[in-house]
Amino acid sequence: MKTTRILLALILGLSLFTTTANANARQGQKFYMKKLSGKCRKDGIDNGGIFAKLHTRHQWDKLKEKGKLQEEWSSICPHGAKKIAKMKRKDVKNLFDFVWKFAKDGEEPSCN
């Protein structure tokens, strides 16, 4: 009985953790759609999936390590540079989670 309760609690806890991990990428996608989508279209980036697939996960990680994410995003989407420069820390983290998740070697977005 006690083992079953512990196992159920563990499963519930792990499922909540996965939902939280996906929430950041989802929030990053929402940020892209709301703040950058229209601006990036002017630069030939038709949707967030294309934006994310410009680099591999490893390349996005390297840019993050070097502190160059916003600089790279601005070079990809010059019309959105002002919005990118004013991003809050949580928005940078969420947009990074989004581009990392849907990178060239990442998952295929179901909806752009």
N, C-alpha and C. Protein backbone atom coordinates (compact mmCIF):
# COMPACT_ATOMS: atom_id res chain seq x y z
N MET A 1 0.81 -1.18 0.00
CA MET A 1 0.00 0.00 0.00
C MET A 1 0.86 1.26 0.00
N LYS A 2 1.82 1.28 0.92
CA LYS A 2 2.68 2.46 1.04
C LYS A 2 3.53 2.62 -0.22
N THR A 3 4.00 1.52 -0.78
CA THR A 3 4.81 1.56 -2.00
C THR A 3 3.99 2.09 -3.17
N THR A 4 2.75 1.69 -3.24
CA THR A 4 1.87 2.15 -4.31
C THR A 4 1.66 3.65 -4.22
N ARG A 5 1.46 4.17 -3.04
CA ARG A 5 1.28 5.62 -2.86
C ARG A 5 2.54 6.38 -3.26
N ILE A 6 3.67 5.87 -2.87
CA ILE A 6 4.93 6.53 -3.22
C ILE A 6 5.12 6.51 -4.73
N LEU A 7 4.83 5.40 -5.36
CA LEU A 7 4.95 5.28 -6.80
C LEU A 7 4.01 6.25 -7.52
N LEU A 8 2.77 6.34 -7.06
CA LEU A 8 1.81 7.27 -7.65
C LEU A 8 2.25 8.72 -7.47
N ALA A 9 2.77 9.04 -6.30
CA ALA A 9 3.26 10.40 -6.05
C ALA A 9 4.44 10.72 -6.97
N LEU A 10 5.31 9.76 -7.16
CA LEU A 10 6.46 9.94 -8.05
C LEU A 10 6.02 10.17 -9.49
N ILE A 11 5.07 9.38 -9.95
CA ILE A 11 4.56 9.54 -11.32
C ILE A 11 3.90 10.90 -11.49
N LEU A 12 3.11 11.31 -10.52
CA LEU A 12 2.46 12.62 -10.57
C LEU A 12 3.50 13.74 -10.60
N GLY A 13 4.49 13.63 -9.75
CA GLY A 13 5.55 14.64 -9.71
C GLY A 13 6.31 14.74 -11.02
N LEU A 14 6.63 13.60 -11.62
CA LEU A 14 7.35 13.61 -12.89
C LEU A 14 6.49 14.18 -14.02
N SER A 15 5.21 13.89 -14.00
CA SER A 15 4.33 14.44 -15.05
C SER A 15 4.21 15.95 -14.92
N LEU A 16 4.19 16.47 -13.72
CA LEU A 16 4.15 17.92 -13.53
C LEU A 16 5.45 18.56 -13.99
N PHE A 17 6.58 17.89 -13.75
CA PHE A 17 7.87 18.41 -14.19
C PHE A 17 7.93 18.52 -15.71
N THR A 18 7.44 17.51 -16.43
CA THR A 18 7.47 17.55 -17.90
C THR A 18 6.57 18.66 -18.42
N THR A 19 5.44 18.87 -17.81
CA THR A 19 4.56 19.94 -18.23
C THR A 19 5.24 21.29 -18.05
N THR A 20 5.94 21.47 -16.93
CA THR A 20 6.65 22.71 -16.67
C THR A 20 7.76 22.92 -17.69
N ALA A 21 8.49 21.87 -18.03
CA ALA A 21 9.57 21.99 -18.99
C ALA A 21 9.04 22.40 -20.36
N ASN A 22 7.91 21.86 -20.77
CA ASN A 22 7.31 22.23 -22.04
C ASN A 22 6.72 23.63 -22.01
N ALA A 23 6.32 24.09 -20.84
CA ALA A 23 5.68 25.40 -20.73
C ALA A 23 6.62 26.50 -21.19
N ASN A 24 7.91 26.38 -20.93
CA ASN A 24 8.85 27.42 -21.33
C ASN A 24 8.93 27.53 -22.84
N ALA A 25 9.00 26.41 -23.54
CA ALA A 25 9.04 26.45 -25.00
C ALA A 25 7.72 26.99 -25.53
N ARG A 26 6.64 26.63 -24.90
CA ARG A 26 5.33 27.13 -25.32
C ARG A 26 5.25 28.64 -25.11
N GLN A 27 5.77 29.11 -23.99
CA GLN A 27 5.78 30.55 -23.73
C GLN A 27 6.70 31.27 -24.72
N GLY A 28 7.80 30.63 -25.09
CA GLY A 28 8.70 31.21 -26.09
C GLY A 28 8.02 31.32 -27.44
N GLN A 29 7.22 30.31 -27.78
CA GLN A 29 6.48 30.34 -29.04
C GLN A 29 5.44 31.46 -29.00
N LYS A 30 4.78 31.62 -27.87
CA LYS A 30 3.80 32.69 -27.73
C LYS A 30 4.47 34.06 -27.87
N PHE A 31 5.65 34.20 -27.27
CA PHE A 31 6.39 35.46 -27.39
C PHE A 31 6.72 35.74 -28.85
N TYR A 32 7.21 34.71 -29.53
CA TYR A 32 7.55 34.89 -30.94
C TYR A 32 6.32 35.31 -31.74
N MET A 33 5.23 34.61 -31.53
CA MET A 33 4.01 34.90 -32.29
C MET A 33 3.49 36.32 -32.01
N LYS A 34 3.52 36.72 -30.76
CA LYS A 34 2.95 38.00 -30.38
C LYS A 34 3.86 39.18 -30.72
N LYS A 35 5.16 39.03 -30.47
CA LYS A 35 6.07 40.17 -30.58
C LYS A 35 6.93 40.19 -31.85
N LEU A 36 7.27 39.02 -32.39
CA LEU A 36 8.24 38.99 -33.48
C LEU A 36 7.70 38.51 -34.82
N SER A 37 6.62 37.80 -34.81
CA SER A 37 6.12 37.18 -36.04
C SER A 37 5.98 38.17 -37.19
N GLY A 38 5.26 39.26 -36.97
CA GLY A 38 5.05 40.25 -38.02
C GLY A 38 6.33 40.93 -38.45
N LYS A 39 7.20 41.21 -37.49
CA LYS A 39 8.47 41.87 -37.79
C LYS A 39 9.37 40.96 -38.62
N CYS A 40 9.46 39.69 -38.23
CA CYS A 40 10.36 38.75 -38.91
C CYS A 40 9.87 38.40 -40.32
N ARG A 41 8.57 38.48 -40.55
CA ARG A 41 8.05 38.24 -41.91
C ARG A 41 8.67 39.23 -42.90
N LYS A 42 8.90 40.45 -42.44
CA LYS A 42 9.53 41.47 -43.29
C LYS A 42 10.95 41.09 -43.67
N ASP A 43 11.56 40.20 -42.87
CA ASP A 43 12.93 39.73 -43.13
C ASP A 43 12.96 38.36 -43.79
N GLY A 44 11.81 37.87 -44.23
CA GLY A 44 11.75 36.60 -44.94
C GLY A 44 11.59 35.38 -44.06
N ILE A 45 11.37 35.57 -42.77
CA ILE A 45 11.15 34.45 -41.85
C ILE A 45 9.64 34.31 -41.70
N ASP A 46 9.07 33.32 -42.36
CA ASP A 46 7.61 33.20 -42.42
C ASP A 46 6.96 32.71 -41.13
N ASN A 47 7.71 31.95 -40.31
CA ASN A 47 7.11 31.45 -39.07
C ASN A 47 8.19 31.08 -38.07
N GLY A 48 7.75 30.78 -36.85
CA GLY A 48 8.67 30.45 -35.76
C GLY A 48 9.48 29.20 -36.01
N GLY A 49 8.90 28.24 -36.72
CA GLY A 49 9.64 27.01 -37.03
C GLY A 49 10.86 27.29 -37.89
N ILE A 50 10.70 28.17 -38.86
CA ILE A 50 11.83 28.54 -39.71
C ILE A 50 12.87 29.30 -38.90
N PHE A 51 12.40 30.20 -38.03
CA PHE A 51 13.28 30.97 -37.15
C PHE A 51 14.14 30.03 -36.30
N ALA A 52 13.52 29.01 -35.71
CA ALA A 52 14.22 28.08 -34.83
C ALA A 52 15.17 27.16 -35.59
N LYS A 53 14.82 26.79 -36.81
CA LYS A 53 15.59 25.82 -37.58
C LYS A 53 16.82 26.42 -38.27
N LEU A 54 17.12 27.67 -37.99
CA LEU A 54 18.30 28.27 -38.59
C LEU A 54 19.59 27.76 -37.95
N HIS A 55 19.47 27.12 -36.78
CA HIS A 55 20.64 26.55 -36.10
C HIS A 55 20.28 25.18 -35.51
N THR A 56 21.31 24.41 -35.19
CA THR A 56 21.11 23.15 -34.48
C THR A 56 21.03 23.44 -32.98
N ARG A 57 20.65 22.45 -32.22
CA ARG A 57 20.60 22.62 -30.76
C ARG A 57 21.96 22.99 -30.20
N HIS A 58 22.99 22.34 -30.71
CA HIS A 58 24.35 22.62 -30.24
C HIS A 58 24.72 24.08 -30.54
N GLN A 59 24.38 24.56 -31.72
CA GLN A 59 24.68 25.95 -32.07
C GLN A 59 23.91 26.93 -31.18
N TRP A 60 22.64 26.65 -30.90
CA TRP A 60 21.88 27.51 -29.99
C TRP A 60 22.51 27.50 -28.60
N ASP A 61 22.95 26.32 -28.14
CA ASP A 61 23.61 26.23 -26.83
C ASP A 61 24.87 27.09 -26.79
N LYS A 62 25.68 27.02 -27.83
CA LYS A 62 26.92 27.81 -27.90
C LYS A 62 26.63 29.31 -27.85
N LEU A 63 25.60 29.73 -28.60
CA LEU A 63 25.23 31.15 -28.58
C LEU A 63 24.78 31.58 -27.19
N LYS A 64 24.05 30.70 -26.50
CA LYS A 64 23.61 31.01 -25.14
C LYS A 64 24.79 31.12 -24.20
N GLU A 65 25.73 30.18 -24.30
CA GLU A 65 26.93 30.20 -23.45
C GLU A 65 27.72 31.48 -23.63
N LYS A 66 27.81 31.96 -24.85
CA LYS A 66 28.57 33.17 -25.16
C LYS A 66 27.79 34.45 -24.87
N GLY A 67 26.50 34.31 -24.52
CA GLY A 67 25.68 35.48 -24.26
C GLY A 67 25.32 36.24 -25.53
N LYS A 68 25.22 35.52 -26.64
CA LYS A 68 24.99 36.14 -27.94
C LYS A 68 23.62 35.83 -28.54
N LEU A 69 22.70 35.31 -27.75
CA LEU A 69 21.38 34.94 -28.29
C LEU A 69 20.66 36.14 -28.88
N GLN A 70 20.53 37.21 -28.11
CA GLN A 70 19.78 38.36 -28.60
C GLN A 70 20.46 39.00 -29.81
N GLU A 71 21.77 38.99 -29.82
CA GLU A 71 22.51 39.51 -30.97
C GLU A 71 22.21 38.67 -32.21
N GLU A 72 22.20 37.36 -32.06
CA GLU A 72 21.90 36.47 -33.18
C GLU A 72 20.47 36.63 -33.65
N TRP A 73 19.53 36.69 -32.70
CA TRP A 73 18.13 36.87 -33.06
C TRP A 73 17.93 38.19 -33.82
N SER A 74 18.65 39.23 -33.40
CA SER A 74 18.54 40.52 -34.09
C SER A 74 19.12 40.46 -35.49
N SER A 75 20.17 39.67 -35.69
CA SER A 75 20.74 39.56 -37.03
C SER A 75 19.82 38.73 -37.94
N ILE A 76 19.10 37.76 -37.36
CA ILE A 76 18.16 36.95 -38.12
C ILE A 76 16.93 37.79 -38.49
N CYS A 77 16.51 38.61 -37.57
CA CYS A 77 15.27 39.39 -37.71
C CYS A 77 15.55 40.87 -37.39
N PRO A 78 16.22 41.58 -38.29
CA PRO A 78 16.57 42.98 -38.02
C PRO A 78 15.35 43.88 -37.74
N HIS A 79 14.23 43.60 -38.35
CA HIS A 79 13.05 44.41 -38.10
C HIS A 79 12.52 44.24 -36.67
N GLY A 80 12.90 43.17 -36.01
CA GLY A 80 12.48 42.92 -34.63
C GLY A 80 13.55 43.26 -33.61
N ALA A 81 14.64 43.90 -34.05
CA ALA A 81 15.78 44.16 -33.16
C ALA A 81 15.40 44.97 -31.92
N LYS A 82 14.51 45.95 -32.07
CA LYS A 82 14.11 46.76 -30.91
C LYS A 82 13.38 45.92 -29.88
N LYS A 83 12.47 45.07 -30.35
CA LYS A 83 11.73 44.18 -29.43
C LYS A 83 12.69 43.20 -28.76
N ILE A 84 13.63 42.69 -29.53
CA ILE A 84 14.59 41.71 -29.00
C ILE A 84 15.49 42.37 -27.95
N ALA A 85 15.91 43.59 -28.20
CA ALA A 85 16.78 44.30 -27.25
C ALA A 85 16.07 44.58 -25.93
N LYS A 86 14.76 44.73 -25.95
CA LYS A 86 13.98 45.04 -24.75
C LYS A 86 13.43 43.81 -24.04
N MET A 87 13.84 42.63 -24.47
CA MET A 87 13.31 41.40 -23.88
C MET A 87 13.66 41.27 -22.40
N LYS A 88 12.70 40.78 -21.62
CA LYS A 88 12.96 40.47 -20.22
C LYS A 88 13.74 39.16 -20.16
N ARG A 89 14.39 38.94 -19.05
CA ARG A 89 15.20 37.73 -18.86
C ARG A 89 14.38 36.46 -19.08
N LYS A 90 13.15 36.44 -18.54
CA LYS A 90 12.31 35.24 -18.69
C LYS A 90 11.93 35.03 -20.15
N ASP A 91 11.73 36.13 -20.90
CA ASP A 91 11.39 36.00 -22.32
C ASP A 91 12.57 35.44 -23.12
N VAL A 92 13.79 35.87 -22.76
CA VAL A 92 14.99 35.34 -23.42
C VAL A 92 15.08 33.84 -23.16
N LYS A 93 14.87 33.46 -21.89
CA LYS A 93 14.93 32.04 -21.54
C LYS A 93 13.86 31.24 -22.28
N ASN A 94 12.65 31.77 -22.32
CA ASN A 94 11.56 31.06 -22.98
C ASN A 94 11.77 30.96 -24.49
N LEU A 95 12.23 32.05 -25.11
CA LEU A 95 12.47 32.00 -26.55
C LEU A 95 13.63 31.05 -26.86
N PHE A 96 14.64 31.03 -25.98
CA PHE A 96 15.72 30.06 -26.16
C PHE A 96 15.17 28.64 -26.09
N ASP A 97 14.32 28.37 -25.09
CA ASP A 97 13.73 27.03 -24.98
C ASP A 97 12.96 26.66 -26.24
N PHE A 98 12.26 27.63 -26.81
CA PHE A 98 11.51 27.40 -28.04
C PHE A 98 12.45 27.08 -29.21
N VAL A 99 13.47 27.92 -29.43
CA VAL A 99 14.35 27.67 -30.58
C VAL A 99 15.16 26.40 -30.39
N TRP A 100 15.51 26.08 -29.14
CA TRP A 100 16.26 24.85 -28.89
C TRP A 100 15.38 23.63 -29.16
N LYS A 101 14.14 23.68 -28.70
CA LYS A 101 13.24 22.54 -28.88
C LYS A 101 12.97 22.27 -30.36
N PHE A 102 12.81 23.33 -31.15
CA PHE A 102 12.46 23.17 -32.56
C PHE A 102 13.63 23.49 -33.50
N ALA A 103 14.85 23.31 -33.00
CA ALA A 103 16.05 23.57 -33.80
C ALA A 103 16.11 22.62 -35.01
N LYS A 104 17.09 22.86 -35.85
CA LYS A 104 17.26 22.07 -37.07
C LYS A 104 17.27 20.57 -36.76
N ASP A 105 17.89 20.18 -35.66
CA ASP A 105 17.97 18.77 -35.28
C ASP A 105 17.01 18.45 -34.12
N GLY A 106 16.00 19.30 -33.92
CA GLY A 106 15.05 19.12 -32.83
C GLY A 106 13.72 18.57 -33.32
N GLU A 107 12.70 18.86 -32.55
CA GLU A 107 11.35 18.39 -32.86
C GLU A 107 10.75 19.19 -34.02
N GLU A 108 9.78 18.59 -34.66
CA GLU A 108 9.06 19.27 -35.73
C GLU A 108 7.86 19.97 -35.11
N PRO A 109 7.74 21.30 -35.27
CA PRO A 109 6.58 21.99 -34.68
C PRO A 109 5.28 21.54 -35.33
N SER A 110 4.26 21.34 -34.52
CA SER A 110 2.97 20.89 -35.05
C SER A 110 2.19 22.04 -35.66
N CYS A 111 2.45 23.23 -35.17
CA CYS A 111 1.73 24.40 -35.68
C CYS A 111 2.64 25.60 -35.58
N ASN A 112 2.80 26.32 -36.66
CA ASN A 112 3.65 27.51 -36.64
C ASN A 112 2.79 28.68 -36.35
